[in-house]
N, C-alpha and C. Protein backbone atom coordinates (compact mmCIF):
# COMPACT_ATOMS: atom_id res chain seq x y z
N UNK A 1 -25.37 -13.01 31.42
CA UNK A 1 -25.30 -12.92 30.24
C UNK A 1 -26.59 -12.87 29.30
N UNK A 2 -27.16 -11.37 29.20
CA UNK A 2 -27.89 -11.30 27.99
C UNK A 2 -27.55 -11.08 27.08
N UNK A 3 -28.27 -11.12 26.11
CA UNK A 3 -28.08 -11.20 24.42
C UNK A 3 -28.49 -10.21 23.64
N UNK A 4 -28.15 -9.21 22.76
CA UNK A 4 -29.07 -8.59 21.75
C UNK A 4 -28.61 -9.08 20.32
N UNK A 5 -29.23 -9.47 19.64
CA UNK A 5 -29.10 -9.80 18.09
C UNK A 5 -29.25 -8.74 17.11
N UNK A 6 -28.80 -8.30 16.14
CA UNK A 6 -29.27 -7.21 15.60
C UNK A 6 -28.44 -7.30 14.03
N UNK A 7 -29.67 -7.03 13.77
CA UNK A 7 -30.03 -6.86 11.68
C UNK A 7 -30.45 -5.68 11.45
N UNK A 8 -30.16 -5.90 10.11
CA UNK A 8 -30.95 -4.40 9.28
C UNK A 8 -31.42 -4.63 7.55
N UNK A 9 -32.24 -4.17 7.52
CA UNK A 9 -32.92 -4.94 6.14
C UNK A 9 -32.95 -3.26 5.42
N UNK A 10 -32.99 -3.43 4.25
CA UNK A 10 -32.94 -1.92 3.18
C UNK A 10 -31.93 -1.62 2.99
N UNK A 11 -31.26 -0.50 2.35
CA UNK A 11 -30.00 -0.29 2.17
C UNK A 11 -29.43 1.27 2.65
N UNK A 12 -28.63 1.77 2.40
CA UNK A 12 -28.61 3.31 2.63
C UNK A 12 -28.17 4.19 1.59
N UNK A 13 -28.72 3.88 0.76
CA UNK A 13 -28.35 4.66 -0.65
C UNK A 13 -29.38 5.59 -0.55
N UNK A 14 -28.84 6.60 -0.99
CA UNK A 14 -30.19 7.45 -1.74
C UNK A 14 -30.10 8.04 -3.00
N UNK A 15 -30.04 7.46 -4.03
CA UNK A 15 -29.86 7.57 -5.23
C UNK A 15 -31.13 7.12 -5.75
N UNK A 16 -32.22 7.75 -5.28
CA UNK A 16 -33.91 7.02 -5.45
C UNK A 16 -34.08 6.67 -6.96
N UNK A 17 -33.21 6.97 -7.79
CA UNK A 17 -33.72 6.76 -8.97
C UNK A 17 -32.98 5.42 -9.48
N UNK A 18 -31.91 4.81 -8.69
CA UNK A 18 -31.36 3.67 -9.30
C UNK A 18 -32.44 2.66 -8.50
N UNK A 19 -32.51 1.32 -9.44
CA UNK A 19 -33.34 0.18 -9.15
C UNK A 19 -32.79 -0.20 -7.80
N UNK A 20 -33.50 -0.50 -6.88
CA UNK A 20 -33.48 -1.27 -5.88
C UNK A 20 -32.94 -0.68 -4.79
N UNK A 21 -32.86 0.92 -4.85
CA UNK A 21 -32.69 1.82 -3.64
C UNK A 21 -33.88 1.52 -2.83
N UNK A 22 -34.09 1.41 -1.89
CA UNK A 22 -35.45 1.59 -0.82
C UNK A 22 -35.47 2.53 -0.27
N UNK A 23 -36.63 2.90 0.13
CA UNK A 23 -37.50 3.72 0.80
C UNK A 23 -36.93 4.25 2.29
N UNK A 24 -37.01 2.89 3.07
CA UNK A 24 -36.91 2.74 4.51
C UNK A 24 -35.55 2.25 4.48
N UNK A 25 -34.67 2.12 5.66
CA UNK A 25 -33.66 1.30 6.13
C UNK A 25 -34.43 1.09 7.33
N UNK A 26 -33.88 -0.47 8.14
CA UNK A 26 -34.69 -0.92 9.20
C UNK A 26 -33.87 -1.29 10.29
N UNK A 27 -33.83 -0.94 11.00
CA UNK A 27 -32.31 -1.50 12.39
C UNK A 27 -33.14 -2.49 13.30
N UNK A 28 -33.24 -4.07 13.47
CA UNK A 28 -34.07 -4.52 14.05
C UNK A 28 -33.04 -5.22 15.39
N UNK A 29 -33.71 -4.91 16.47
CA UNK A 29 -32.71 -6.00 17.92
C UNK A 29 -33.75 -6.75 18.28
N UNK A 30 -33.02 -7.91 18.67
CA UNK A 30 -33.80 -9.12 19.32
C UNK A 30 -33.16 -9.50 20.49
N UNK A 31 -33.54 -9.21 21.94
CA UNK A 31 -33.32 -9.55 23.09
C UNK A 31 -33.69 -10.71 23.42
N UNK A 32 -32.93 -11.03 24.20
CA UNK A 32 -33.20 -12.55 24.86
C UNK A 32 -32.11 -12.92 26.32
N UNK A 33 -32.89 -13.48 27.36
CA UNK A 33 -32.23 -13.38 28.26
C UNK A 33 -31.04 -14.33 28.44
N UNK A 34 -31.89 -15.99 26.94
CA UNK A 34 -30.88 -16.93 26.73
C UNK A 34 -30.76 -16.81 25.82
N UNK A 35 -29.77 -17.08 24.92
CA UNK A 35 -29.82 -17.52 23.81
C UNK A 35 -29.76 -18.83 22.82
N UNK A 36 -29.84 -19.91 23.95
CA UNK A 36 -29.80 -21.06 23.67
C UNK A 36 -31.20 -21.72 22.70
N UNK A 37 -32.70 -21.13 23.67
CA UNK A 37 -33.80 -21.13 23.00
C UNK A 37 -34.07 -20.54 21.66
N UNK A 38 -33.58 -19.45 21.11
CA UNK A 38 -33.41 -19.19 20.15
C UNK A 38 -32.72 -19.98 19.06
N UNK A 39 -31.51 -20.60 19.35
CA UNK A 39 -30.71 -21.14 18.63
C UNK A 39 -31.45 -22.54 18.14
N UNK A 40 -32.38 -22.89 18.67
CA UNK A 40 -33.07 -24.11 18.94
C UNK A 40 -33.97 -23.95 17.41
N UNK A 41 -34.31 -23.07 17.69
CA UNK A 41 -35.56 -22.82 16.69
C UNK A 41 -34.66 -22.86 14.88
N UNK A 42 -33.51 -22.30 15.06
CA UNK A 42 -32.89 -22.65 13.68
C UNK A 42 -33.09 -24.19 13.62
N UNK A 43 -32.14 -24.94 14.33
CA UNK A 43 -32.13 -26.31 14.54
C UNK A 43 -33.41 -27.05 14.23
N UNK A 44 -34.59 -26.54 14.48
CA UNK A 44 -36.16 -27.08 14.52
C UNK A 44 -35.97 -26.86 12.94
N UNK A 45 -35.95 -25.68 12.53
CA UNK A 45 -36.36 -25.38 10.75
C UNK A 45 -35.35 -26.33 9.86
N UNK A 46 -34.14 -26.31 10.34
CA UNK A 46 -33.51 -27.19 9.34
C UNK A 46 -33.54 -28.88 9.25
N UNK A 47 -34.17 -29.12 10.58
CA UNK A 47 -34.80 -30.44 10.79
C UNK A 47 -35.73 -31.18 9.95
N UNK A 48 -36.93 -30.19 9.62
CA UNK A 48 -38.11 -29.55 8.88
C UNK A 48 -38.09 -29.42 7.68
N UNK A 49 -36.69 -29.68 7.19
CA UNK A 49 -36.13 -29.29 6.10
C UNK A 49 -36.16 -30.97 4.83
N UNK A 50 -36.29 -30.47 3.32
CA UNK A 50 -36.04 -31.64 2.85
C UNK A 50 -34.12 -31.40 2.71
N UNK A 51 -33.30 -32.61 2.22
CA UNK A 51 -31.90 -32.38 1.88
C UNK A 51 -31.66 -31.47 1.08
N UNK A 52 -32.37 -31.13 -0.05
CA UNK A 52 -32.48 -30.17 -1.38
C UNK A 52 -32.43 -29.04 -0.46
N UNK A 53 -33.32 -28.91 -0.04
CA UNK A 53 -33.59 -27.37 0.43
C UNK A 53 -32.77 -27.04 1.41
N UNK A 54 -31.73 -28.20 2.19
CA UNK A 54 -30.70 -27.62 3.42
C UNK A 54 -29.25 -27.33 2.28
N UNK A 55 -29.51 -28.12 1.11
CA UNK A 55 -28.33 -27.84 0.64
C UNK A 55 -28.03 -26.78 -0.49
N UNK A 56 -29.51 -26.07 -0.73
CA UNK A 56 -29.71 -24.60 -1.51
C UNK A 56 -29.44 -23.39 -0.56
N UNK A 57 -29.78 -24.02 0.65
CA UNK A 57 -29.82 -22.87 1.82
C UNK A 57 -27.83 -22.77 2.15
N UNK A 58 -27.46 -23.46 2.01
CA UNK A 58 -26.02 -23.77 1.89
C UNK A 58 -25.66 -23.69 4.07
N UNK A 59 -26.36 -24.58 4.68
CA UNK A 59 -26.28 -24.46 6.22
C UNK A 59 -26.73 -23.10 7.18
N UNK A 60 -27.34 -22.49 6.25
CA UNK A 60 -27.39 -21.13 6.92
C UNK A 60 -28.97 -20.55 6.69
N UNK A 61 -29.54 -20.20 7.50
CA UNK A 61 -30.81 -19.81 7.34
C UNK A 61 -30.80 -18.33 6.72
N UNK A 62 -31.41 -17.51 5.94
CA UNK A 62 -31.44 -16.22 5.21
C UNK A 62 -32.76 -16.03 4.70
N UNK A 63 -33.72 -14.68 5.22
CA UNK A 63 -34.46 -14.54 4.65
C UNK A 63 -35.11 -14.17 3.52
N UNK A 64 -34.07 -13.66 2.75
CA UNK A 64 -34.01 -13.54 1.12
C UNK A 64 -34.52 -15.04 0.55
N UNK A 65 -33.77 -15.66 1.13
CA UNK A 65 -33.61 -17.07 0.01
C UNK A 65 -34.57 -18.32 0.41
N UNK A 66 -35.43 -17.35 2.01
CA UNK A 66 -36.27 -18.82 2.37
C UNK A 66 -37.64 -18.95 1.57
N UNK A 67 -38.28 -20.02 2.21
CA UNK A 67 -39.43 -20.30 0.77
C UNK A 67 -40.66 -19.42 1.87
N UNK A 68 -41.93 -19.07 1.56
CA UNK A 68 -42.66 -18.31 2.32
C UNK A 68 -43.37 -19.30 3.60
N UNK A 69 -42.84 -20.62 3.00
CA UNK A 69 -43.18 -21.69 4.51
C UNK A 69 -42.39 -21.39 5.53
N UNK A 70 -40.94 -21.57 4.88
CA UNK A 70 -40.15 -21.66 6.11
C UNK A 70 -40.06 -19.94 6.94
N UNK A 71 -40.56 -19.02 6.13
CA UNK A 71 -40.59 -17.82 7.23
C UNK A 71 -41.58 -17.57 7.91
N UNK A 72 -42.76 -18.67 7.21
CA UNK A 72 -43.71 -18.40 8.46
C UNK A 72 -43.51 -19.12 9.53
N UNK A 73 -42.94 -20.59 9.00
CA UNK A 73 -42.67 -21.49 10.38
C UNK A 73 -41.72 -20.52 11.39
N UNK A 74 -40.55 -20.01 10.76
CA UNK A 74 -39.84 -19.71 11.73
C UNK A 74 -40.33 -18.90 12.72
N UNK A 75 -40.97 -17.82 11.86
CA UNK A 75 -41.52 -16.62 12.79
C UNK A 75 -42.79 -16.82 14.04
N UNK A 76 -43.45 -17.79 13.76
CA UNK A 76 -44.24 -18.96 14.34
C UNK A 76 -43.46 -19.35 15.62
N UNK A 77 -42.48 -20.04 15.37
CA UNK A 77 -41.59 -20.51 16.64
C UNK A 77 -40.87 -19.24 17.25
N UNK A 78 -40.84 -17.95 16.73
CA UNK A 78 -39.91 -17.11 17.70
C UNK A 78 -41.31 -16.05 18.56
N UNK A 79 -42.27 -16.61 18.00
CA UNK A 79 -43.84 -16.16 18.74
C UNK A 79 -43.92 -16.56 19.78
N UNK A 80 -43.48 -17.87 20.19
CA UNK A 80 -43.87 -18.79 21.62
C UNK A 80 -42.57 -18.46 22.31
N UNK A 81 -41.51 -17.31 21.94
CA UNK A 81 -40.49 -17.23 22.82
C UNK A 81 -40.78 -15.97 23.77
N UNK A 82 -41.43 -16.24 25.14
CA UNK A 82 -42.29 -15.08 25.59
C UNK A 82 -41.14 -14.28 26.59
N UNK A 83 -40.16 -14.65 26.88
CA UNK A 83 -38.73 -14.16 27.21
C UNK A 83 -38.10 -12.99 26.38
N UNK A 84 -38.27 -13.25 25.29
CA UNK A 84 -37.63 -12.28 23.73
C UNK A 84 -38.64 -11.32 23.53
N UNK A 85 -37.92 -10.36 23.34
CA UNK A 85 -38.52 -8.73 22.81
C UNK A 85 -37.68 -8.36 21.91
N UNK A 86 -38.29 -7.17 20.68
CA UNK A 86 -37.75 -7.34 19.65
C UNK A 86 -38.32 -5.82 19.70
N UNK A 87 -37.42 -4.98 19.09
CA UNK A 87 -37.08 -3.35 18.87
C UNK A 87 -36.70 -3.18 17.85
N UNK A 88 -37.20 -2.44 16.96
CA UNK A 88 -36.81 -1.81 15.80
C UNK A 88 -37.18 -0.51 15.63
N UNK A 89 -36.38 0.16 15.13
CA UNK A 89 -36.22 1.95 14.36
C UNK A 89 -36.32 1.67 13.01
N UNK A 90 -36.80 2.51 12.21
CA UNK A 90 -37.05 2.14 10.78
C UNK A 90 -36.34 3.88 10.22
N UNK A 91 -35.85 4.13 9.49
CA UNK A 91 -35.64 5.32 8.48
C UNK A 91 -36.35 5.80 7.40
N UNK A 92 -36.94 6.85 7.49
CA UNK A 92 -37.72 7.24 6.21
C UNK A 92 -36.67 8.00 5.11
N UNK A 93 -35.80 7.41 4.33
CA UNK A 93 -34.59 7.95 3.89
C UNK A 93 -35.00 9.03 3.37
N UNK A 94 -36.02 9.27 2.67
CA UNK A 94 -36.63 10.30 2.05
C UNK A 94 -36.55 11.67 2.78
N UNK A 95 -36.42 11.39 3.56
CA UNK A 95 -36.74 12.81 5.28
C UNK A 95 -34.96 12.69 5.59
N UNK A 96 -34.23 12.13 5.28
CA UNK A 96 -32.95 12.16 6.24
C UNK A 96 -32.39 13.20 5.94
N UNK A 97 -31.57 13.96 6.44
CA UNK A 97 -31.01 15.25 6.15
C UNK A 97 -29.88 15.11 5.09
N UNK A 98 -30.16 15.79 3.86
CA UNK A 98 -28.95 15.68 2.74
C UNK A 98 -27.39 15.22 3.54
N UNK A 99 -27.27 16.58 4.55
CA UNK A 99 -25.41 16.50 4.92
C UNK A 99 -25.44 15.33 5.36
N UNK A 100 -26.37 14.22 5.77
CA UNK A 100 -25.91 12.98 6.41
C UNK A 100 -26.11 11.63 5.08
N UNK A 101 -26.00 12.07 3.61
CA UNK A 101 -26.36 11.01 2.90
C UNK A 101 -25.06 10.52 2.39
N UNK A 102 -23.86 11.35 2.81
CA UNK A 102 -22.38 10.59 2.45
C UNK A 102 -21.69 10.50 3.79
N UNK A 103 -22.61 10.06 5.04
CA UNK A 103 -21.90 10.18 6.14
C UNK A 103 -23.17 8.64 7.00
N UNK A 104 -22.69 7.72 5.74
CA UNK A 104 -23.17 6.46 5.94
C UNK A 104 -22.99 5.80 7.36
N UNK A 105 -21.54 5.66 7.83
CA UNK A 105 -21.25 5.23 9.09
C UNK A 105 -21.75 5.97 9.99
N UNK A 106 -21.84 7.01 9.89
CA UNK A 106 -22.16 8.00 11.17
C UNK A 106 -24.13 7.62 11.44
N UNK A 107 -24.61 7.75 10.43
CA UNK A 107 -25.88 7.48 10.60
C UNK A 107 -26.48 6.23 11.37
N UNK A 108 -25.51 4.96 10.66
CA UNK A 108 -25.68 3.63 11.15
C UNK A 108 -25.11 4.12 12.92
N UNK A 109 -24.25 4.29 12.91
CA UNK A 109 -24.02 4.18 14.19
C UNK A 109 -24.97 5.38 15.13
N UNK A 110 -25.79 6.18 14.81
CA UNK A 110 -26.66 6.64 15.56
C UNK A 110 -27.92 5.90 15.43
N UNK A 111 -28.42 5.48 14.48
CA UNK A 111 -29.22 4.81 14.66
C UNK A 111 -29.44 3.55 15.76
N UNK A 112 -28.37 2.69 15.73
CA UNK A 112 -28.05 1.66 16.65
C UNK A 112 -28.21 2.30 17.95
N UNK A 113 -27.08 3.26 18.16
CA UNK A 113 -27.38 3.93 19.50
C UNK A 113 -28.49 4.40 20.18
N UNK A 114 -29.72 4.73 19.29
CA UNK A 114 -30.80 5.14 19.75
C UNK A 114 -31.68 4.24 20.40
N UNK A 115 -31.38 2.66 19.58
CA UNK A 115 -31.68 1.68 20.42
C UNK A 115 -31.47 1.23 21.65
N UNK A 116 -30.27 1.12 21.37
CA UNK A 116 -29.52 0.33 22.17
C UNK A 116 -29.43 1.18 23.63
N UNK A 117 -29.65 2.74 23.75
CA UNK A 117 -30.10 3.77 24.82
C UNK A 117 -31.27 3.02 25.32
N UNK A 118 -32.70 3.38 24.16
CA UNK A 118 -33.63 2.72 24.86
C UNK A 118 -33.77 1.20 25.28
N UNK A 119 -33.05 0.45 25.18
CA UNK A 119 -33.16 -1.08 25.59
C UNK A 119 -32.47 -0.58 26.94
N UNK A 120 -31.41 0.13 27.79
CA UNK A 120 -31.21 0.16 29.07
C UNK A 120 -31.55 0.90 29.27
N UNK A 121 -32.52 2.17 28.91
CA UNK A 121 -33.30 3.33 29.66
C UNK A 121 -34.42 2.43 30.41
N UNK A 122 -35.07 1.56 29.32
CA UNK A 122 -36.28 0.77 29.87
C UNK A 122 -36.10 -0.25 30.71
N UNK A 123 -34.56 -0.68 30.77
CA UNK A 123 -34.14 -1.77 31.49
C UNK A 123 -34.65 -3.23 31.03
N UNK A 124 -34.59 -3.26 29.98
CA UNK A 124 -34.75 -4.24 29.57
C UNK A 124 -33.93 -5.63 29.26
N UNK A 125 -32.71 -4.99 29.67
CA UNK A 125 -31.69 -6.31 30.05
C UNK A 125 -31.15 -5.94 31.37
N UNK A 126 -30.54 -7.07 32.42
CA UNK A 126 -30.17 -6.71 33.62
C UNK A 126 -28.59 -5.59 33.38
N UNK A 127 -29.14 -4.26 34.52
CA UNK A 127 -28.20 -3.19 34.03
C UNK A 127 -26.92 -3.75 34.96
N UNK A 128 -27.02 -5.19 35.69
CA UNK A 128 -25.57 -5.26 36.59
C UNK A 128 -24.93 -6.43 36.35
N UNK A 129 -25.36 -7.06 35.03
CA UNK A 129 -24.59 -8.00 34.04
C UNK A 129 -24.10 -7.78 32.57
N UNK A 130 -23.36 -8.16 31.84
CA UNK A 130 -22.50 -7.61 30.99
C UNK A 130 -23.63 -8.56 30.24
N UNK A 131 -23.83 -7.10 29.00
CA UNK A 131 -24.58 -7.34 27.49
C UNK A 131 -23.65 -8.04 26.79
N UNK A 132 -24.29 -8.70 25.68
CA UNK A 132 -23.32 -8.95 24.60
C UNK A 132 -24.27 -8.94 23.40
N UNK A 133 -23.82 -7.57 22.81
CA UNK A 133 -24.51 -7.45 21.21
C UNK A 133 -23.79 -8.11 20.12
N UNK A 134 -24.39 -8.79 19.14
CA UNK A 134 -23.76 -9.50 18.52
C UNK A 134 -24.40 -8.94 17.20
N UNK A 135 -23.98 -8.45 16.51
CA UNK A 135 -24.39 -7.63 14.89
C UNK A 135 -23.91 -8.30 13.51
N UNK A 136 -24.95 -8.20 13.02
CA UNK A 136 -24.77 -8.95 11.64
C UNK A 136 -23.54 -8.22 10.81
N UNK A 137 -22.48 -9.25 10.15
CA UNK A 137 -21.43 -8.26 9.41
C UNK A 137 -22.05 -7.72 8.76
N UNK A 138 -21.99 -6.40 8.21
CA UNK A 138 -22.19 -5.32 7.28
C UNK A 138 -21.23 -5.16 6.30
N UNK A 139 -20.42 -4.30 7.50
CA UNK A 139 -19.28 -3.50 6.33
C UNK A 139 -17.97 -4.31 6.54
N UNK A 140 -17.26 -4.58 5.03
CA UNK A 140 -16.21 -5.50 4.76
C UNK A 140 -15.28 -4.31 5.62
N UNK A 141 -15.00 -3.21 5.38
CA UNK A 141 -13.70 -2.36 6.27
C UNK A 141 -13.70 -2.56 7.25
N UNK A 142 -12.70 -3.06 7.85
CA UNK A 142 -12.35 -3.23 9.35
C UNK A 142 -12.34 -1.87 10.27
N UNK A 143 -12.15 -0.98 9.62
CA UNK A 143 -11.91 0.28 10.26
C UNK A 143 -13.36 0.71 10.81
N UNK A 144 -14.23 0.29 9.88
CA UNK A 144 -15.71 0.74 10.17
C UNK A 144 -16.23 0.36 11.01
N UNK A 145 -15.59 -1.60 11.14
CA UNK A 145 -16.45 -2.57 12.08
C UNK A 145 -15.53 -1.95 13.52
N UNK A 146 -14.71 -1.69 13.48
CA UNK A 146 -13.80 -1.18 14.67
C UNK A 146 -14.59 -0.16 15.05
N UNK A 147 -15.04 1.32 14.11
CA UNK A 147 -15.30 2.50 14.94
C UNK A 147 -16.70 1.98 15.48
N UNK A 148 -17.53 0.75 15.20
CA UNK A 148 -18.82 0.65 15.20
C UNK A 148 -18.50 0.49 16.71
N UNK A 149 -17.45 -0.99 17.00
CA UNK A 149 -18.04 -1.49 17.93
C UNK A 149 -17.32 -0.58 19.39
N UNK A 150 -16.49 0.35 18.88
CA UNK A 150 -15.92 1.55 19.96
C UNK A 150 -17.11 2.43 20.53
N UNK A 151 -17.55 3.10 19.21
CA UNK A 151 -18.82 3.73 19.49
C UNK A 151 -19.38 3.19 20.14
N UNK A 152 -20.44 2.30 20.27
CA UNK A 152 -21.23 1.89 21.07
C UNK A 152 -20.85 1.65 22.17
N UNK A 153 -20.00 0.90 22.42
CA UNK A 153 -19.47 0.58 23.93
C UNK A 153 -19.16 1.79 24.73
N UNK A 154 -18.48 2.81 23.97
CA UNK A 154 -18.34 4.35 24.47
C UNK A 154 -19.67 4.91 25.17
N UNK A 155 -20.31 4.66 24.31
CA UNK A 155 -21.73 5.12 24.59
C UNK A 155 -22.40 4.74 25.73
N UNK A 156 -22.39 3.61 25.59
CA UNK A 156 -23.24 2.83 26.84
C UNK A 156 -22.55 2.81 28.29
N UNK A 157 -21.62 2.88 28.28
CA UNK A 157 -20.76 3.21 29.09
C UNK A 157 -20.49 3.95 29.67
N UNK A 158 -20.98 4.99 28.78
CA UNK A 158 -21.06 6.70 29.83
C UNK A 158 -22.03 6.91 29.82
N UNK A 159 -23.12 6.33 28.87
CA UNK A 159 -24.72 6.93 29.91
C UNK A 159 -25.36 6.29 30.67
N UNK A 160 -25.23 4.96 30.81
CA UNK A 160 -25.49 4.16 31.47
C UNK A 160 -24.73 3.15 32.26
N UNK A 161 -23.20 3.20 32.87
CA UNK A 161 -22.39 2.70 33.57
C UNK A 161 -22.75 0.94 33.66
N UNK A 162 -22.78 0.47 32.37
CA UNK A 162 -22.98 -0.75 32.23
C UNK A 162 -21.88 -1.85 31.27
N UNK A 163 -21.79 -2.80 31.43
CA UNK A 163 -20.70 -3.25 30.93
C UNK A 163 -21.20 -3.89 29.24
N UNK A 164 -20.72 -3.70 27.93
CA UNK A 164 -21.54 -4.43 27.03
C UNK A 164 -20.40 -5.26 25.79
N UNK A 165 -20.45 -5.74 25.54
CA UNK A 165 -19.34 -6.21 24.28
C UNK A 165 -20.33 -6.56 23.37
N UNK A 166 -18.98 -5.88 22.35
CA UNK A 166 -20.20 -6.13 20.96
C UNK A 166 -18.88 -6.90 20.00
N UNK A 167 -19.88 -7.85 19.51
CA UNK A 167 -19.57 -8.84 18.50
C UNK A 167 -19.65 -8.58 16.87
N UNK A 168 -19.19 -8.37 15.67
CA UNK A 168 -19.93 -8.41 14.76
C UNK A 168 -19.32 -9.62 13.79
N UNK A 169 -20.46 -10.71 13.32
CA UNK A 169 -20.36 -11.75 13.12
C UNK A 169 -20.84 -11.98 11.89
N UNK A 170 -20.78 -12.87 10.58
CA UNK A 170 -21.68 -13.24 9.83
C UNK A 170 -22.68 -14.31 10.24
N UNK A 171 -23.96 -14.23 9.83
CA UNK A 171 -24.98 -14.77 10.70
C UNK A 171 -24.42 -16.26 10.63
N UNK A 172 -23.79 -17.29 9.51
CA UNK A 172 -23.27 -18.63 9.52
C UNK A 172 -22.96 -19.12 11.02
N UNK A 173 -22.21 -18.00 11.52
CA UNK A 173 -21.69 -17.98 12.79
C UNK A 173 -22.13 -17.64 14.05
N UNK A 174 -23.70 -17.81 13.72
CA UNK A 174 -24.26 -17.10 14.98
C UNK A 174 -25.67 -17.50 14.82
N UNK A 175 -26.59 -18.24 14.95
CA UNK A 175 -27.65 -18.60 15.07
C UNK A 175 -28.93 -17.67 15.41
N UNK A 176 -28.59 -16.82 16.37
CA UNK A 176 -29.44 -15.86 17.06
C UNK A 176 -29.46 -14.69 15.75
N UNK A 177 -28.13 -14.43 14.61
CA UNK A 177 -28.61 -13.57 13.87
C UNK A 177 -29.25 -13.83 12.69
N UNK A 178 -29.39 -15.40 12.45
CA UNK A 178 -30.21 -16.04 11.26
C UNK A 178 -31.90 -15.60 11.61
N UNK A 179 -32.15 -15.55 12.94
CA UNK A 179 -33.37 -15.21 13.52
C UNK A 179 -34.06 -13.99 13.43
N UNK A 180 -32.85 -13.08 13.81
CA UNK A 180 -32.96 -11.78 13.96
C UNK A 180 -33.29 -11.28 12.30
N UNK A 181 -32.64 -11.67 11.59
CA UNK A 181 -32.48 -11.69 9.88
C UNK A 181 -33.83 -11.56 9.68
N UNK A 182 -34.90 -12.90 10.21
CA UNK A 182 -36.15 -12.88 9.64
C UNK A 182 -37.41 -12.12 9.95
N UNK A 183 -36.93 -11.58 11.51
CA UNK A 183 -37.77 -10.34 12.32
C UNK A 183 -37.37 -9.00 11.64
N UNK A 184 -36.58 -8.59 11.17
CA UNK A 184 -36.24 -7.87 10.24
C UNK A 184 -36.46 -7.69 9.12
N UNK A 185 -36.81 -8.83 8.44
CA UNK A 185 -36.77 -8.57 7.04
C UNK A 185 -38.95 -8.71 6.95
N UNK A 186 -39.23 -9.06 7.94
CA UNK A 186 -40.68 -9.26 7.94
C UNK A 186 -41.15 -7.34 8.00
N UNK A 187 -40.21 -6.75 9.31
CA UNK A 187 -40.97 -4.80 9.36
C UNK A 187 -40.53 -4.61 8.17
N UNK A 188 -39.29 -5.05 7.27
CA UNK A 188 -39.39 -4.16 5.78
C UNK A 188 -39.94 -4.62 5.05
N UNK A 189 -40.83 -6.06 5.04
CA UNK A 189 -41.73 -6.16 4.13
C UNK A 189 -42.85 -5.17 4.61
N UNK A 190 -43.32 -5.03 5.74
CA UNK A 190 -44.55 -4.38 5.86
C UNK A 190 -44.05 -3.02 5.60
N UNK A 191 -43.14 -2.38 5.58
CA UNK A 191 -43.09 -0.65 5.80
C UNK A 191 -42.53 -0.69 4.06
N UNK A 192 -41.76 -0.98 3.44
CA UNK A 192 -41.54 -0.86 2.08
C UNK A 192 -42.70 -1.42 1.40
N UNK A 193 -43.12 -2.76 1.18
CA UNK A 193 -44.12 -3.32 0.51
C UNK A 193 -45.57 -3.21 0.76
N UNK A 194 -45.75 -3.00 2.10
CA UNK A 194 -47.21 -2.85 2.48
C UNK A 194 -47.72 -4.35 2.44
N UNK A 195 -47.08 -4.99 3.14
CA UNK A 195 -47.53 -6.57 3.83
C UNK A 195 -47.01 -6.79 5.16
N UNK A 196 -48.03 -6.78 5.97
CA UNK A 196 -47.85 -6.85 7.46
C UNK A 196 -47.87 -8.12 7.62
N UNK A 197 -48.20 -8.84 7.00
CA UNK A 197 -48.97 -11.04 7.11
C UNK A 197 -47.69 -11.32 8.03
N UNK A 198 -46.71 -11.03 7.86
CA UNK A 198 -45.28 -11.88 8.40
C UNK A 198 -45.05 -10.95 9.95
N UNK A 199 -45.09 -9.59 9.90
CA UNK A 199 -44.55 -9.13 11.15
C UNK A 199 -46.13 -9.11 12.14
N UNK A 200 -47.58 -9.41 11.76
CA UNK A 200 -48.11 -9.57 12.47
C UNK A 200 -47.86 -11.05 13.54
N UNK A 201 -47.31 -12.06 12.61
CA UNK A 201 -46.79 -13.09 13.29
C UNK A 201 -46.25 -12.73 15.13
N UNK A 202 -45.13 -12.04 14.95
CA UNK A 202 -44.44 -11.99 16.04
C UNK A 202 -44.83 -10.60 16.99
N UNK A 203 -46.11 -9.65 16.73
CA UNK A 203 -46.33 -8.18 16.95
C UNK A 203 -46.41 -8.42 18.40
N UNK A 204 -46.75 -9.31 19.21
CA UNK A 204 -46.60 -9.31 20.66
C UNK A 204 -45.49 -9.38 20.92
N UNK A 205 -44.41 -9.29 20.85
CA UNK A 205 -43.09 -9.57 21.13
C UNK A 205 -42.31 -7.90 20.96
N UNK A 206 -43.21 -6.98 19.95
CA UNK A 206 -42.29 -5.74 19.55
C UNK A 206 -42.82 -5.15 20.40
N UNK A 207 -42.32 -4.59 21.48
CA UNK A 207 -42.23 -3.50 22.41
C UNK A 207 -41.93 -1.85 21.88
N UNK A 208 -41.70 -1.69 20.75
CA UNK A 208 -41.07 -0.59 20.47
C UNK A 208 -40.82 -0.59 18.88
N UNK A 209 -41.41 0.22 18.13
CA UNK A 209 -41.46 0.68 16.65
C UNK A 209 -41.64 1.66 16.10
N UNK A 210 -40.51 2.52 15.93
CA UNK A 210 -40.62 3.85 15.69
C UNK A 210 -39.79 4.48 14.37
N UNK A 211 -40.37 5.58 13.73
CA UNK A 211 -39.38 6.14 12.84
C UNK A 211 -38.66 7.20 13.16
N UNK A 212 -37.64 7.18 12.37
CA UNK A 212 -37.10 8.94 12.96
C UNK A 212 -37.02 9.74 11.20
N UNK A 213 -37.08 10.81 11.51
CA UNK A 213 -37.04 11.71 10.34
C UNK A 213 -38.15 11.63 9.81
N UNK A 214 -39.56 11.51 10.36
CA UNK A 214 -40.95 11.24 9.94
C UNK A 214 -41.37 10.22 9.56
N UNK A 215 -42.91 9.74 8.90
CA UNK A 215 -43.29 8.34 8.74
C UNK A 215 -42.73 7.69 7.73
């Protein structure tokens, strides 16, 4: 079974007069044939931390709370995983059609499906095996979660005749989500803040980095 870990960075708000509203929204996929090597990254990071730092993080890595040293260390560990690949798509939110501003779940599903479709079209995962997509829990509303899972499963099955399972979990329940969180944060850091130093560490793993609705 192959695994796709999914996370996003930025927000889907469109009130740019509001502090904290991002210009970009980025969805990132980390694809791997085996999740154990990815899980080991998290364990190694925690083993190198002081007890105080582990307590501060609460047993789960999150890029926004991690120190620059921890971010660099994790990304360098990910850099070594030659069988892993990263795909990301970014929305320039200022160019998104106005009619989609109030249809955030539709927009979110659309962006995610684009990435999934490219993964299967490029045959980055075995088409004759079940692929397990694990998404970081974003919506607390159960209907949107069920809608998200049903939409993606239907689209992939119809377009590629492949079997995919979709799980939505908190990062604390899946170490792979903690790793892709750092990759997504690194991409957001580059496009939102102009700092490519983190994303450059893992650039050889990135096989697709595209934008929607303009640059």
